[in-house]
Amino acid sequence: DPEGVAYAPDGSLWIASEGNANDTRPNRLIQVNPTTGAVMAEVGLPAEVVACRAAELAKPAPNGAGSLGSGFGGLDIRPRQGGGYLIFVAQQRGWNYTTSDACAQLDDDPTDGGLGGGSSAEPTWTRIWVHDPQGDTWSHVPYQLAPKPANAAWVGLSEITLVDDGWILIERDNLTGDFAELKTLVHVPLSPGADGFTLSDKSVYDLRPRLTANNG
């Protein structure tokens, strides 16, 4: 399920492929030769994250009721000084693990305090994954989502684009047509604060007037 695509400084093409909730289709990054279409590399989520997702799926509620919502969305690439590059991937919705303290420490719910069996509610935070292909390492930046409109099931990220002074993201609800309440472009600084990208870091442009002016 390709969602995001960007060219790397070495000329290769990287694709973010979104997984599904039960991981029968995994979230992964795919490096492609743009001339031949040949797959050069595939990179999955960190092993400890995959294990916590599997544990969540294997146990019934209440200790297996966390959220494993939509995964990899947009993707862009930031060159590094001195060579190499980093891949930034927007995770559409937050994930919450409730089966153990160790797994809870890896999720996107900042309210569970690391307590296994915590809240199974949709997290109000998601993350921007950062992959270093040269070192084959993962890290991430927490991202605080806009408040969920009353009639929406969730709010999430759809795209991320590097600009000169930061990042532009699409942040939106899951509603369509006249029911939609949140369709925005969000600008955040190039580097996050200590708490990640919070609501106070955002400059928001409402896309709805433009979309409704000509019926989308």
N, C-alpha and C. Protein backbone atom coordinates (compact mmCIF):
# COMPACT_ATOMS: atom_id res chain seq x y z
N ASP A 1 0.85 -1.19 0.00
CA ASP A 1 0.00 0.00 0.00
C ASP A 1 0.89 1.25 0.00
N PRO A 2 1.49 1.60 -1.12
CA PRO A 2 2.40 2.75 -1.16
C PRO A 2 1.69 4.05 -0.78
N GLU A 3 2.28 4.80 0.13
CA GLU A 3 1.69 6.05 0.60
C GLU A 3 2.59 7.26 0.34
N GLY A 4 3.89 7.12 0.54
CA GLY A 4 4.81 8.24 0.36
C GLY A 4 5.97 7.84 -0.51
N VAL A 5 6.55 8.81 -1.22
CA VAL A 5 7.66 8.52 -2.13
C VAL A 5 8.58 9.72 -2.20
N ALA A 6 9.89 9.47 -2.27
CA ALA A 6 10.86 10.56 -2.39
C ALA A 6 12.16 10.01 -2.96
N TYR A 7 12.85 10.88 -3.71
CA TYR A 7 14.18 10.54 -4.22
C TYR A 7 15.24 10.85 -3.17
N ALA A 8 16.21 9.96 -3.04
CA ALA A 8 17.35 10.16 -2.15
C ALA A 8 18.49 10.84 -2.90
N PRO A 9 19.44 11.42 -2.19
CA PRO A 9 20.58 12.06 -2.86
C PRO A 9 21.38 11.11 -3.75
N ASP A 10 21.33 9.80 -3.46
CA ASP A 10 22.06 8.84 -4.29
C ASP A 10 21.29 8.45 -5.55
N GLY A 11 20.11 9.05 -5.76
CA GLY A 11 19.33 8.78 -6.96
C GLY A 11 18.32 7.67 -6.82
N SER A 12 18.36 6.94 -5.71
CA SER A 12 17.38 5.87 -5.51
C SER A 12 16.05 6.45 -5.06
N LEU A 13 15.02 5.64 -5.16
CA LEU A 13 13.67 6.05 -4.81
C LEU A 13 13.25 5.27 -3.57
N TRP A 14 12.73 5.99 -2.57
CA TRP A 14 12.24 5.33 -1.36
C TRP A 14 10.73 5.48 -1.29
N ILE A 15 10.06 4.39 -0.94
CA ILE A 15 8.60 4.34 -0.85
C ILE A 15 8.22 3.91 0.56
N ALA A 16 7.26 4.61 1.16
CA ALA A 16 6.67 4.18 2.43
C ALA A 16 5.43 3.38 2.12
N SER A 17 5.40 2.12 2.53
CA SER A 17 4.25 1.25 2.30
C SER A 17 3.53 1.02 3.62
N GLU A 18 2.25 1.38 3.65
CA GLU A 18 1.49 1.28 4.89
C GLU A 18 1.04 -0.15 5.15
N GLY A 19 1.21 -0.58 6.39
CA GLY A 19 0.74 -1.89 6.78
C GLY A 19 -0.70 -1.87 7.21
N ASN A 20 -1.17 -2.99 7.74
CA ASN A 20 -2.53 -3.06 8.27
C ASN A 20 -2.47 -3.39 9.76
N ALA A 21 -3.64 -3.40 10.40
CA ALA A 21 -3.68 -3.50 11.86
C ALA A 21 -3.16 -4.83 12.39
N ASN A 22 -3.32 -5.92 11.63
CA ASN A 22 -2.87 -7.21 12.15
C ASN A 22 -1.49 -7.61 11.62
N ASP A 23 -0.85 -6.71 10.92
CA ASP A 23 0.53 -6.90 10.43
C ASP A 23 0.68 -8.06 9.43
N THR A 24 -0.42 -8.55 8.89
CA THR A 24 -0.27 -9.49 7.77
C THR A 24 0.30 -8.77 6.55
N ARG A 25 0.11 -7.47 6.51
CA ARG A 25 0.82 -6.61 5.58
C ARG A 25 1.64 -5.64 6.42
N PRO A 26 2.96 -5.77 6.48
CA PRO A 26 3.76 -4.97 7.41
C PRO A 26 3.99 -3.55 6.91
N ASN A 27 4.19 -2.64 7.84
CA ASN A 27 4.71 -1.32 7.51
C ASN A 27 6.17 -1.50 7.10
N ARG A 28 6.57 -0.86 6.01
CA ARG A 28 7.94 -1.03 5.56
C ARG A 28 8.35 0.12 4.63
N LEU A 29 9.66 0.32 4.57
CA LEU A 29 10.27 1.21 3.59
C LEU A 29 10.86 0.35 2.48
N ILE A 30 10.67 0.79 1.24
CA ILE A 30 11.16 0.04 0.10
C ILE A 30 12.04 0.95 -0.74
N GLN A 31 13.29 0.54 -0.95
CA GLN A 31 14.22 1.28 -1.81
C GLN A 31 14.19 0.67 -3.21
N VAL A 32 13.99 1.52 -4.20
CA VAL A 32 13.78 1.05 -5.57
C VAL A 32 14.77 1.73 -6.51
N ASN A 33 15.26 0.97 -7.48
CA ASN A 33 16.03 1.55 -8.58
C ASN A 33 15.03 2.22 -9.52
N PRO A 34 15.08 3.56 -9.68
CA PRO A 34 14.05 4.24 -10.46
C PRO A 34 14.12 3.95 -11.96
N THR A 35 15.22 3.43 -12.42
CA THR A 35 15.36 3.11 -13.85
C THR A 35 14.77 1.75 -14.18
N THR A 36 15.05 0.77 -13.33
CA THR A 36 14.61 -0.60 -13.63
C THR A 36 13.39 -1.02 -12.83
N GLY A 37 13.10 -0.33 -11.73
CA GLY A 37 12.01 -0.73 -10.86
C GLY A 37 12.39 -1.84 -9.90
N ALA A 38 13.63 -2.29 -9.94
CA ALA A 38 14.07 -3.37 -9.06
C ALA A 38 14.12 -2.91 -7.61
N VAL A 39 13.65 -3.77 -6.71
CA VAL A 39 13.71 -3.48 -5.28
C VAL A 39 15.14 -3.70 -4.79
N MET A 40 15.72 -2.66 -4.19
CA MET A 40 17.10 -2.71 -3.69
C MET A 40 17.16 -3.09 -2.22
N ALA A 41 16.14 -2.69 -1.46
CA ALA A 41 16.13 -2.98 -0.02
C ALA A 41 14.72 -2.83 0.51
N GLU A 42 14.41 -3.58 1.57
CA GLU A 42 13.16 -3.44 2.31
C GLU A 42 13.51 -3.33 3.79
N VAL A 43 12.89 -2.37 4.46
CA VAL A 43 13.18 -2.12 5.87
C VAL A 43 11.87 -2.14 6.64
N GLY A 44 11.77 -3.01 7.64
CA GLY A 44 10.58 -3.09 8.46
C GLY A 44 10.74 -2.30 9.76
N LEU A 45 9.70 -2.29 10.55
CA LEU A 45 9.72 -1.63 11.85
C LEU A 45 10.75 -2.28 12.77
N PRO A 46 11.22 -1.55 13.79
CA PRO A 46 12.12 -2.17 14.76
C PRO A 46 11.51 -3.45 15.35
N ALA A 47 12.36 -4.42 15.61
CA ALA A 47 11.89 -5.73 16.07
C ALA A 47 11.07 -5.63 17.35
N GLU A 48 11.45 -4.75 18.27
CA GLU A 48 10.74 -4.65 19.53
C GLU A 48 9.32 -4.09 19.33
N VAL A 49 9.16 -3.22 18.34
CA VAL A 49 7.83 -2.69 18.04
C VAL A 49 6.96 -3.78 17.41
N VAL A 50 7.51 -4.53 16.49
CA VAL A 50 6.79 -5.63 15.88
C VAL A 50 6.34 -6.63 16.95
N ALA A 51 7.21 -6.91 17.91
CA ALA A 51 6.88 -7.86 18.98
C ALA A 51 5.74 -7.34 19.85
N CYS A 52 5.73 -6.05 20.15
CA CYS A 52 4.65 -5.49 20.97
C CYS A 52 3.33 -5.47 20.22
N ARG A 53 3.38 -5.23 18.93
CA ARG A 53 2.16 -5.30 18.13
C ARG A 53 1.62 -6.73 18.11
N ALA A 54 2.51 -7.69 17.97
CA ALA A 54 2.08 -9.10 17.97
C ALA A 54 1.48 -9.48 19.32
N ALA A 55 2.09 -9.02 20.40
CA ALA A 55 1.57 -9.32 21.74
C ALA A 55 0.17 -8.75 21.92
N GLU A 56 -0.05 -7.54 21.39
CA GLU A 56 -1.36 -6.90 21.49
C GLU A 56 -2.43 -7.72 20.77
N LEU A 57 -2.06 -8.23 19.61
CA LEU A 57 -3.01 -8.99 18.80
C LEU A 57 -3.30 -10.37 19.40
N ALA A 58 -2.34 -10.89 20.16
CA ALA A 58 -2.48 -12.25 20.68
C ALA A 58 -3.34 -12.34 21.93
N LYS A 59 -3.57 -11.21 22.60
CA LYS A 59 -4.29 -11.25 23.87
C LYS A 59 -5.64 -10.55 23.76
N PRO A 60 -6.69 -11.13 24.36
CA PRO A 60 -8.00 -10.45 24.36
C PRO A 60 -8.01 -9.29 25.34
N ALA A 61 -9.02 -8.45 25.25
CA ALA A 61 -9.18 -7.36 26.21
C ALA A 61 -9.32 -7.93 27.62
N PRO A 62 -8.88 -7.24 28.69
CA PRO A 62 -8.45 -5.84 28.66
C PRO A 62 -6.97 -5.63 28.37
N ASN A 63 -6.16 -6.69 28.38
CA ASN A 63 -4.73 -6.49 28.17
C ASN A 63 -4.31 -6.71 26.72
N GLY A 64 -5.25 -6.66 25.83
CA GLY A 64 -4.93 -6.74 24.41
C GLY A 64 -5.84 -5.83 23.62
N ALA A 65 -6.20 -4.70 24.22
CA ALA A 65 -7.19 -3.82 23.61
C ALA A 65 -6.59 -2.50 23.15
N GLY A 66 -5.28 -2.46 22.99
CA GLY A 66 -4.65 -1.24 22.54
C GLY A 66 -4.98 -0.93 21.09
N SER A 67 -4.56 0.26 20.63
CA SER A 67 -4.85 0.67 19.26
C SER A 67 -3.63 0.41 18.38
N LEU A 68 -3.89 -0.15 17.20
CA LEU A 68 -2.84 -0.45 16.23
C LEU A 68 -3.26 0.13 14.88
N GLY A 69 -3.69 1.38 14.89
CA GLY A 69 -4.30 1.99 13.70
C GLY A 69 -3.35 2.18 12.55
N SER A 70 -3.83 2.94 11.59
CA SER A 70 -3.13 3.13 10.32
C SER A 70 -1.67 3.50 10.53
N GLY A 71 -0.82 3.04 9.61
CA GLY A 71 0.63 3.16 9.80
C GLY A 71 1.31 4.18 8.90
N PHE A 72 2.36 3.74 8.21
CA PHE A 72 3.19 4.65 7.44
C PHE A 72 2.36 5.44 6.43
N GLY A 73 2.59 6.76 6.42
CA GLY A 73 1.95 7.64 5.46
C GLY A 73 2.99 8.30 4.57
N GLY A 74 3.06 9.63 4.64
CA GLY A 74 4.00 10.36 3.79
C GLY A 74 5.45 10.11 4.16
N LEU A 75 6.33 10.41 3.22
CA LEU A 75 7.77 10.18 3.38
C LEU A 75 8.53 11.31 2.71
N ASP A 76 9.60 11.78 3.34
CA ASP A 76 10.54 12.68 2.68
C ASP A 76 11.93 12.43 3.23
N ILE A 77 12.93 13.00 2.56
CA ILE A 77 14.33 12.68 2.85
C ILE A 77 15.10 13.96 3.09
N ARG A 78 15.92 13.95 4.15
CA ARG A 78 16.74 15.11 4.51
C ARG A 78 18.21 14.72 4.39
N PRO A 79 18.97 15.36 3.48
CA PRO A 79 20.40 15.07 3.38
C PRO A 79 21.13 15.45 4.67
N ARG A 80 22.20 14.73 4.96
CA ARG A 80 23.02 15.02 6.14
C ARG A 80 24.29 15.72 5.72
N GLN A 81 24.74 16.63 6.55
CA GLN A 81 26.02 17.29 6.29
C GLN A 81 27.13 16.24 6.32
N GLY A 82 27.98 16.28 5.32
CA GLY A 82 29.06 15.31 5.24
C GLY A 82 28.69 14.06 4.49
N GLY A 83 27.44 13.98 4.00
CA GLY A 83 27.03 12.81 3.23
C GLY A 83 25.98 11.97 3.92
N GLY A 84 25.33 11.16 3.15
CA GLY A 84 24.25 10.33 3.67
C GLY A 84 22.96 11.12 3.79
N TYR A 85 21.94 10.47 4.33
CA TYR A 85 20.64 11.11 4.45
C TYR A 85 19.80 10.37 5.48
N LEU A 86 18.74 11.03 5.91
CA LEU A 86 17.78 10.45 6.83
C LEU A 86 16.41 10.42 6.15
N ILE A 87 15.64 9.38 6.44
CA ILE A 87 14.31 9.23 5.88
C ILE A 87 13.30 9.52 6.99
N PHE A 88 12.38 10.44 6.74
CA PHE A 88 11.36 10.82 7.70
C PHE A 88 10.01 10.31 7.20
N VAL A 89 9.31 9.57 8.05
CA VAL A 89 8.05 8.94 7.67
C VAL A 89 6.97 9.33 8.67
N ALA A 90 5.89 9.90 8.16
CA ALA A 90 4.76 10.26 9.02
C ALA A 90 3.92 9.03 9.31
N GLN A 91 3.73 8.72 10.58
CA GLN A 91 2.82 7.64 10.99
C GLN A 91 1.43 8.24 11.10
N GLN A 92 0.48 7.66 10.39
CA GLN A 92 -0.83 8.31 10.28
C GLN A 92 -1.51 8.50 11.63
N ARG A 93 -1.67 7.46 12.40
CA ARG A 93 -2.35 7.53 13.69
C ARG A 93 -1.45 6.97 14.78
N GLY A 94 -1.73 7.37 16.03
CA GLY A 94 -0.96 6.88 17.15
C GLY A 94 -1.25 5.43 17.45
N TRP A 95 -0.26 4.74 18.00
CA TRP A 95 -0.39 3.34 18.41
C TRP A 95 -0.27 3.27 19.93
N ASN A 96 -1.04 2.37 20.52
CA ASN A 96 -1.03 2.20 21.97
C ASN A 96 -0.92 0.72 22.31
N TYR A 97 0.08 0.36 23.14
CA TYR A 97 0.29 -1.02 23.54
C TYR A 97 -0.03 -1.16 25.02
N THR A 98 -0.78 -2.21 25.38
CA THR A 98 -1.27 -2.34 26.75
C THR A 98 -0.86 -3.64 27.43
N THR A 99 -0.02 -4.44 26.78
CA THR A 99 0.24 -5.78 27.31
C THR A 99 1.36 -5.82 28.35
N SER A 100 2.23 -4.84 28.39
CA SER A 100 3.34 -4.86 29.35
C SER A 100 3.88 -3.46 29.53
N ASP A 101 4.61 -3.27 30.64
CA ASP A 101 5.26 -1.98 30.88
C ASP A 101 6.26 -1.66 29.77
N ALA A 102 7.02 -2.67 29.36
CA ALA A 102 8.05 -2.44 28.33
C ALA A 102 7.41 -1.99 27.02
N CYS A 103 6.29 -2.61 26.65
CA CYS A 103 5.62 -2.21 25.41
C CYS A 103 4.99 -0.84 25.54
N ALA A 104 4.42 -0.55 26.71
CA ALA A 104 3.80 0.76 26.91
C ALA A 104 4.81 1.89 26.75
N GLN A 105 6.06 1.62 27.08
CA GLN A 105 7.10 2.64 26.93
C GLN A 105 7.42 2.91 25.46
N LEU A 106 7.01 2.01 24.58
CA LEU A 106 7.33 2.16 23.16
C LEU A 106 6.19 2.78 22.36
N ASP A 107 5.04 3.04 23.00
CA ASP A 107 3.88 3.47 22.23
C ASP A 107 3.75 4.99 22.17
N ASP A 108 2.62 5.45 21.62
CA ASP A 108 2.39 6.88 21.41
C ASP A 108 1.42 7.48 22.40
N ASP A 109 1.08 6.75 23.45
CA ASP A 109 0.15 7.25 24.46
C ASP A 109 0.94 7.78 25.64
N PRO A 110 1.05 9.12 25.80
CA PRO A 110 1.86 9.66 26.89
C PRO A 110 1.15 9.63 28.23
N THR A 111 -0.09 9.17 28.27
CA THR A 111 -0.86 9.20 29.51
C THR A 111 -0.84 7.90 30.28
N ASP A 112 -0.30 6.82 29.68
CA ASP A 112 -0.39 5.53 30.37
C ASP A 112 0.73 5.32 31.37
N GLY A 113 1.72 6.19 31.38
CA GLY A 113 2.76 6.13 32.39
C GLY A 113 3.58 4.86 32.37
N GLY A 114 3.54 4.13 31.28
CA GLY A 114 4.30 2.90 31.19
C GLY A 114 3.62 1.73 31.88
N LEU A 115 2.34 1.86 32.22
CA LEU A 115 1.64 0.80 32.93
C LEU A 115 0.95 -0.12 31.93
N GLY A 116 1.32 -1.39 31.93
CA GLY A 116 0.64 -2.34 31.06
C GLY A 116 -0.84 -2.42 31.40
N GLY A 117 -1.66 -2.58 30.38
CA GLY A 117 -3.10 -2.60 30.59
C GLY A 117 -3.69 -1.21 30.72
N GLY A 118 -2.99 -0.18 30.23
CA GLY A 118 -3.48 1.19 30.28
C GLY A 118 -4.61 1.42 29.32
N SER A 119 -4.91 2.68 29.08
CA SER A 119 -6.04 3.06 28.24
C SER A 119 -5.91 2.49 26.83
N SER A 120 -7.05 2.04 26.29
CA SER A 120 -7.06 1.55 24.92
C SER A 120 -7.59 2.61 23.96
N ALA A 121 -7.78 3.83 24.44
CA ALA A 121 -8.32 4.89 23.62
C ALA A 121 -7.33 5.30 22.53
N GLU A 122 -7.87 5.92 21.50
CA GLU A 122 -7.03 6.44 20.42
C GLU A 122 -6.04 7.45 20.99
N PRO A 123 -4.72 7.25 20.82
CA PRO A 123 -3.75 8.20 21.35
C PRO A 123 -3.91 9.59 20.72
N THR A 124 -3.63 10.61 21.51
CA THR A 124 -3.69 11.99 21.02
C THR A 124 -2.36 12.43 20.41
N TRP A 125 -1.39 11.51 20.38
CA TRP A 125 -0.09 11.75 19.76
C TRP A 125 0.16 10.66 18.72
N THR A 126 0.93 11.00 17.71
CA THR A 126 1.48 10.01 16.81
C THR A 126 2.98 10.26 16.74
N ARG A 127 3.64 9.85 15.66
CA ARG A 127 5.09 10.07 15.59
C ARG A 127 5.55 10.22 14.15
N ILE A 128 6.71 10.82 14.02
CA ILE A 128 7.42 10.85 12.74
C ILE A 128 8.63 9.94 12.91
N TRP A 129 8.62 8.83 12.18
CA TRP A 129 9.74 7.89 12.24
C TRP A 129 10.93 8.47 11.48
N VAL A 130 12.13 8.18 11.97
CA VAL A 130 13.36 8.61 11.32
C VAL A 130 14.25 7.38 11.13
N HIS A 131 14.54 7.09 9.87
CA HIS A 131 15.39 5.93 9.57
C HIS A 131 16.69 6.40 8.95
N ASP A 132 17.80 5.87 9.46
CA ASP A 132 19.14 6.13 8.93
C ASP A 132 19.57 4.91 8.13
N PRO A 133 19.51 4.96 6.79
CA PRO A 133 19.87 3.78 6.00
C PRO A 133 21.33 3.38 6.15
N GLN A 134 22.19 4.36 6.38
CA GLN A 134 23.61 4.05 6.49
C GLN A 134 23.91 3.25 7.75
N GLY A 135 23.26 3.61 8.85
CA GLY A 135 23.47 2.88 10.10
C GLY A 135 22.43 1.83 10.38
N ASP A 136 21.40 1.76 9.53
CA ASP A 136 20.29 0.84 9.70
C ASP A 136 19.68 0.98 11.09
N THR A 137 19.37 2.22 11.47
CA THR A 137 18.80 2.49 12.79
C THR A 137 17.50 3.28 12.65
N TRP A 138 16.66 3.13 13.68
CA TRP A 138 15.41 3.85 13.76
C TRP A 138 15.40 4.76 14.98
N SER A 139 14.77 5.91 14.83
CA SER A 139 14.42 6.76 15.96
C SER A 139 13.07 7.39 15.60
N HIS A 140 12.56 8.26 16.47
CA HIS A 140 11.30 8.91 16.13
C HIS A 140 11.15 10.22 16.87
N VAL A 141 10.23 11.06 16.34
CA VAL A 141 9.89 12.34 16.95
C VAL A 141 8.41 12.30 17.31
N PRO A 142 8.04 12.50 18.58
CA PRO A 142 6.61 12.55 18.93
C PRO A 142 5.93 13.74 18.27
N TYR A 143 4.66 13.55 17.91
CA TYR A 143 3.88 14.60 17.24
C TYR A 143 2.50 14.66 17.87
N GLN A 144 2.16 15.82 18.45
CA GLN A 144 0.87 15.98 19.09
C GLN A 144 -0.20 16.32 18.06
N LEU A 145 -1.24 15.51 18.01
CA LEU A 145 -2.31 15.70 17.04
C LEU A 145 -3.29 16.78 17.49
N ALA A 146 -3.94 17.40 16.52
CA ALA A 146 -4.99 18.37 16.82
C ALA A 146 -6.15 17.65 17.52
N PRO A 147 -6.91 18.38 18.33
CA PRO A 147 -8.06 17.75 18.99
C PRO A 147 -9.02 17.14 17.97
N LYS A 148 -9.56 15.99 18.31
CA LYS A 148 -10.45 15.27 17.41
C LYS A 148 -11.82 15.95 17.35
N PRO A 149 -12.30 16.28 16.15
CA PRO A 149 -13.66 16.83 16.05
C PRO A 149 -14.69 15.85 16.62
N ALA A 150 -15.80 16.39 17.07
CA ALA A 150 -16.79 15.58 17.79
C ALA A 150 -17.30 14.42 16.95
N ASN A 151 -17.44 14.61 15.66
CA ASN A 151 -18.03 13.57 14.82
C ASN A 151 -17.00 12.70 14.11
N ALA A 152 -15.73 12.93 14.36
CA ALA A 152 -14.68 12.17 13.69
C ALA A 152 -14.27 10.97 14.53
N ALA A 153 -13.81 9.92 13.86
CA ALA A 153 -13.28 8.75 14.57
C ALA A 153 -11.84 8.96 14.97
N TRP A 154 -11.09 9.70 14.16
CA TRP A 154 -9.69 9.93 14.46
C TRP A 154 -9.14 11.11 13.66
N VAL A 155 -7.98 11.59 14.11
CA VAL A 155 -7.19 12.60 13.41
C VAL A 155 -5.82 12.00 13.14
N GLY A 156 -5.26 12.25 11.96
CA GLY A 156 -3.97 11.67 11.64
C GLY A 156 -3.22 12.46 10.59
N LEU A 157 -2.02 11.96 10.28
CA LEU A 157 -1.13 12.59 9.30
C LEU A 157 -1.19 11.83 7.98
N SER A 158 -1.12 12.57 6.88
CA SER A 158 -1.15 11.94 5.56
C SER A 158 0.09 12.20 4.74
N GLU A 159 0.85 13.25 5.04
CA GLU A 159 1.98 13.61 4.18
C GLU A 159 2.98 14.42 4.98
N ILE A 160 4.24 14.37 4.56
CA ILE A 160 5.29 15.20 5.14
C ILE A 160 6.23 15.63 4.02
N THR A 161 6.57 16.92 4.00
CA THR A 161 7.41 17.49 2.96
C THR A 161 8.43 18.44 3.58
N LEU A 162 9.68 18.25 3.22
CA LEU A 162 10.76 19.10 3.71
C LEU A 162 10.74 20.42 2.94
N VAL A 163 10.78 21.55 3.68
CA VAL A 163 10.91 22.87 3.08
C VAL A 163 12.11 23.56 3.72
N ASP A 164 12.44 24.76 3.25
CA ASP A 164 13.67 25.42 3.70
C ASP A 164 13.71 25.65 5.21
N ASP A 165 12.57 25.96 5.81
CA ASP A 165 12.57 26.34 7.23
C ASP A 165 11.79 25.37 8.10
N GLY A 166 11.58 24.15 7.62
CA GLY A 166 10.87 23.19 8.46
C GLY A 166 10.23 22.08 7.66
N TRP A 167 9.08 21.64 8.17
CA TRP A 167 8.33 20.56 7.55
C TRP A 167 6.88 21.01 7.35
N ILE A 168 6.28 20.59 6.25
CA ILE A 168 4.86 20.78 6.00
C ILE A 168 4.20 19.40 6.06
N LEU A 169 3.15 19.28 6.85
CA LEU A 169 2.42 18.03 6.97
C LEU A 169 0.95 18.25 6.63
N ILE A 170 0.30 17.23 6.11
CA ILE A 170 -1.15 17.21 6.02
C ILE A 170 -1.68 16.53 7.28
N GLU A 171 -2.49 17.26 8.03
CA GLU A 171 -3.13 16.71 9.23
C GLU A 171 -4.64 16.86 9.04
N ARG A 172 -5.38 15.77 9.26
CA ARG A 172 -6.80 15.82 8.90
C ARG A 172 -7.60 14.78 9.68
N ASP A 173 -8.93 14.98 9.67
CA ASP A 173 -9.82 13.97 10.24
C ASP A 173 -10.14 12.92 9.18
N ASN A 174 -10.94 11.94 9.58
CA ASN A 174 -11.25 10.83 8.66
C ASN A 174 -12.57 11.04 7.92
N LEU A 175 -13.13 12.25 7.99
CA LEU A 175 -14.43 12.52 7.39
C LEU A 175 -14.29 13.09 5.99
N THR A 176 -15.36 12.94 5.21
CA THR A 176 -15.33 13.39 3.82
C THR A 176 -16.47 14.35 3.52
N GLY A 177 -16.34 15.06 2.39
CA GLY A 177 -17.40 15.94 1.93
C GLY A 177 -17.78 17.00 2.95
N ASP A 178 -19.08 17.28 3.05
CA ASP A 178 -19.56 18.31 3.97
C ASP A 178 -19.39 17.92 5.43
N PHE A 179 -19.11 16.65 5.70
CA PHE A 179 -18.92 16.20 7.08
C PHE A 179 -17.53 16.52 7.62
N ALA A 180 -16.59 16.82 6.72
CA ALA A 180 -15.21 17.06 7.13
C ALA A 180 -15.11 18.33 7.97
N GLU A 181 -14.31 18.26 9.02
CA GLU A 181 -14.12 19.41 9.90
C GLU A 181 -12.65 19.83 10.03
N LEU A 182 -11.74 18.93 9.72
CA LEU A 182 -10.32 19.23 9.90
C LEU A 182 -9.53 18.75 8.68
N LYS A 183 -9.14 19.70 7.83
CA LYS A 183 -8.27 19.41 6.68
C LYS A 183 -7.26 20.54 6.65
N THR A 184 -6.02 20.27 7.10
CA THR A 184 -5.06 21.35 7.30
C THR A 184 -3.68 21.02 6.72
N LEU A 185 -2.98 22.09 6.36
CA LEU A 185 -1.54 22.04 6.17
C LEU A 185 -0.91 22.58 7.44
N VAL A 186 0.07 21.87 7.96
CA VAL A 186 0.71 22.26 9.22
C VAL A 186 2.20 22.45 8.99
N HIS A 187 2.71 23.61 9.41
CA HIS A 187 4.15 23.88 9.35
C HIS A 187 4.73 23.73 10.76
N VAL A 188 5.81 22.96 10.87
CA VAL A 188 6.54 22.84 12.13
C VAL A 188 8.01 23.12 11.87
N PRO A 189 8.78 23.48 12.90
CA PRO A 189 10.20 23.78 12.70
C PRO A 189 10.98 22.58 12.19
N LEU A 190 12.16 22.85 11.68
CA LEU A 190 13.01 21.78 11.17
C LEU A 190 13.40 20.81 12.27
N SER A 191 13.69 21.34 13.45
CA SER A 191 14.09 20.50 14.58
C SER A 191 13.04 20.61 15.68
N PRO A 192 12.62 19.48 16.26
CA PRO A 192 11.60 19.51 17.31
C PRO A 192 12.18 19.98 18.64
N GLY A 193 11.29 20.35 19.55
CA GLY A 193 11.70 20.64 20.91
C GLY A 193 11.90 19.36 21.69
N ALA A 194 12.18 19.50 22.98
CA ALA A 194 12.45 18.33 23.82
C ALA A 194 11.26 17.39 23.90
N ASP A 195 10.04 17.93 23.75
CA ASP A 195 8.83 17.11 23.83
C ASP A 195 8.32 16.69 22.46
N GLY A 196 9.10 16.91 21.41
CA GLY A 196 8.65 16.62 20.07
C GLY A 196 7.93 17.81 19.48
N PHE A 197 7.08 17.57 18.50
CA PHE A 197 6.29 18.64 17.89
C PHE A 197 4.96 18.74 18.63
N THR A 198 4.78 19.83 19.38
CA THR A 198 3.57 20.03 20.17
C THR A 198 2.64 21.00 19.44
N LEU A 199 1.44 21.17 19.99
CA LEU A 199 0.47 22.07 19.38
C LEU A 199 1.03 23.48 19.24
N SER A 200 1.84 23.92 20.20
CA SER A 200 2.38 25.28 20.16
C SER A 200 3.43 25.47 19.07
N ASP A 201 3.96 24.38 18.51
CA ASP A 201 4.96 24.47 17.44
C ASP A 201 4.32 24.66 16.07
N LYS A 202 3.00 24.53 15.97
CA LYS A 202 2.36 24.44 14.67
C LYS A 202 1.87 25.80 14.16
N SER A 203 2.08 26.02 12.86
CA SER A 203 1.37 27.06 12.13
C SER A 203 0.42 26.33 11.18
N VAL A 204 -0.87 26.64 11.27
CA VAL A 204 -1.89 25.84 10.60
C VAL A 204 -2.61 26.64 9.52
N TYR A 205 -2.74 26.03 8.35
CA TYR A 205 -3.52 26.60 7.25
C TYR A 205 -4.72 25.71 6.99
N ASP A 206 -5.91 26.29 7.10
CA ASP A 206 -7.16 25.54 6.91
C ASP A 206 -7.43 25.39 5.41
N LEU A 207 -7.47 24.14 4.95
CA LEU A 207 -7.71 23.88 3.53
C LEU A 207 -9.18 23.87 3.16
N ARG A 208 -10.07 23.81 4.10
CA ARG A 208 -11.49 23.62 3.78
C ARG A 208 -12.08 24.72 2.91
N PRO A 209 -11.80 26.01 3.17
CA PRO A 209 -12.39 27.03 2.27
C PRO A 209 -11.97 26.84 0.81
N ARG A 210 -10.72 26.47 0.57
CA ARG A 210 -10.27 26.23 -0.80
C ARG A 210 -10.96 25.00 -1.39
N LEU A 211 -11.10 23.96 -0.60
CA LEU A 211 -11.68 22.71 -1.10
C LEU A 211 -13.18 22.87 -1.38
N THR A 212 -13.87 23.61 -0.53
CA THR A 212 -15.32 23.75 -0.71
C THR A 212 -15.66 24.79 -1.78
N ALA A 213 -14.74 25.72 -2.07
CA ALA A 213 -15.04 26.77 -3.04
C ALA A 213 -15.34 26.20 -4.43
N ASN A 214 -14.69 25.10 -4.77
CA ASN A 214 -14.95 24.48 -6.09
C ASN A 214 -15.37 23.01 -5.94
N ASN A 215 -15.97 22.70 -4.78
CA ASN A 215 -16.43 21.32 -4.51
C ASN A 215 -15.31 20.30 -4.59
N GLY A 216 -14.15 20.67 -4.10
CA GLY A 216 -13.04 19.74 -4.03
C GLY A 216 -12.23 19.68 -5.31
